[in-house]
Amino acid sequence: MMLVIHMPVAAAARMLGGHDTKLWRVVHHYVETALAELNLGALERVSIDETAARRGRYHITLFVAIDQRRIVHIAEGRGADTVSGFAD
């Protein structure tokens, strides 16, 4: 079992005794590394889910590789343009 704690980056940086810009650099490094290694060419089945935050004013769309059971893309917005952006 894995414990997951969600908190703003600024709060995490304060707990670690650093500045949030440094922590953001670390986060971006690992995200960019993971994206560089991501191979979407083998995807066969993708599930798409849209959700709203901030009382419906901000939408995101999640693209999930069904067979691998993992999120492969998150995009701001919703609708056909968002799906087309993922397909490109």
Protein backbone atom coordinates (compact mmCIF):
# COMPACT_ATOMS: atom_id res chain seq x y z
CA MET A 1 0.00 0.00 0.00
CA MET A 2 1.28 3.44 -0.94
CA LEU A 3 0.44 6.57 1.03
CA VAL A 4 -0.24 9.58 -1.16
CA ILE A 5 -0.38 13.06 0.31
CA HIS A 6 -1.56 16.02 -1.76
CA MET A 7 -0.37 19.49 -0.88
CA PRO A 8 0.65 22.65 -2.70
CA VAL A 9 4.28 22.82 -3.81
CA ALA A 10 4.84 25.96 -1.73
CA ALA A 11 3.68 24.14 1.42
CA ALA A 12 5.92 21.16 0.66
CA ALA A 13 8.88 23.48 0.08
CA ARG A 14 8.31 25.17 3.44
CA MET A 15 8.22 21.76 5.15
CA LEU A 16 11.51 20.85 3.45
CA GLY A 17 13.10 24.18 4.36
CA GLY A 18 13.56 25.36 0.79
CA HIS A 19 12.00 27.60 -1.82
CA ASP A 20 9.15 26.51 -4.07
CA THR A 21 11.01 27.47 -7.27
CA LYS A 22 13.68 24.89 -6.50
CA LEU A 23 11.06 22.23 -5.82
CA TRP A 24 9.27 23.12 -9.07
CA ARG A 25 12.56 22.61 -10.95
CA VAL A 26 12.83 19.12 -9.44
CA VAL A 27 9.22 18.30 -10.35
CA HIS A 28 9.69 19.54 -13.93
CA HIS A 29 12.89 17.53 -14.30
CA TYR A 30 11.21 14.25 -13.36
CA VAL A 31 8.10 14.97 -15.44
CA GLU A 32 10.21 15.78 -18.51
CA THR A 33 12.28 12.63 -17.99
CA ALA A 34 9.15 10.48 -17.72
CA LEU A 35 7.61 12.09 -20.81
CA ALA A 36 10.76 11.49 -22.83
CA GLU A 37 10.58 7.78 -21.99
CA LEU A 38 6.84 7.50 -22.67
CA ASN A 39 5.97 5.44 -25.77
CA LEU A 40 2.40 6.02 -26.85
CA GLY A 41 2.82 4.14 -30.13
CA ALA A 42 1.76 0.87 -28.52
CA LEU A 43 -1.54 2.19 -27.15
CA GLU A 44 -4.49 0.11 -28.25
CA ARG A 45 -7.28 1.23 -25.92
CA VAL A 46 -7.65 4.64 -24.30
CA SER A 47 -10.35 5.81 -21.92
CA ILE A 48 -11.19 9.52 -21.83
CA ASP A 49 -12.70 11.27 -18.82
CA GLU A 50 -13.49 14.93 -18.36
CA THR A 51 -13.75 16.58 -14.97
CA ALA A 52 -14.34 20.10 -13.71
CA ALA A 53 -12.71 21.99 -10.89
CA ARG A 54 -13.45 25.35 -9.33
CA ARG A 55 -17.22 24.99 -9.62
CA GLY A 56 -17.22 24.10 -13.28
CA ARG A 57 -15.05 26.93 -14.56
CA TYR A 58 -11.91 24.91 -15.20
CA HIS A 59 -12.02 21.62 -17.09
CA ILE A 60 -9.38 18.96 -17.60
CA THR A 61 -9.48 15.82 -19.69
CA LEU A 62 -7.70 12.63 -18.62
CA PHE A 63 -6.50 10.04 -21.14
CA VAL A 64 -5.95 6.63 -19.56
CA ALA A 65 -4.25 3.58 -21.13
CA ILE A 66 -6.79 0.93 -20.19
CA ASP A 67 -4.52 -2.11 -20.50
CA GLN A 68 -1.66 -0.51 -18.53
CA ARG A 69 -4.07 1.12 -16.06
CA ARG A 70 -2.24 4.43 -16.03
CA ILE A 71 -2.78 8.04 -17.02
CA VAL A 72 -0.85 8.85 -20.18
CA HIS A 73 -1.98 12.44 -20.75
CA ILE A 74 -3.82 15.26 -18.98
CA ALA A 75 -5.01 18.26 -20.97
CA GLU A 76 -6.68 21.52 -20.05
CA GLY A 77 -10.12 21.93 -21.56
CA ARG A 78 -12.67 19.50 -22.89
CA GLY A 79 -14.34 18.49 -26.12
CA ALA A 80 -13.24 17.56 -29.61
CA ASP A 81 -10.31 20.00 -29.75
CA THR A 82 -8.81 18.45 -26.62
CA VAL A 83 -9.10 14.93 -28.04
CA SER A 84 -7.61 16.07 -31.36
CA GLY A 85 -4.68 17.60 -29.51
CA PHE A 86 -3.99 14.30 -27.80
CA ALA A 87 -4.27 12.38 -31.07
CA ASP A 88 -1.73 14.69 -32.71
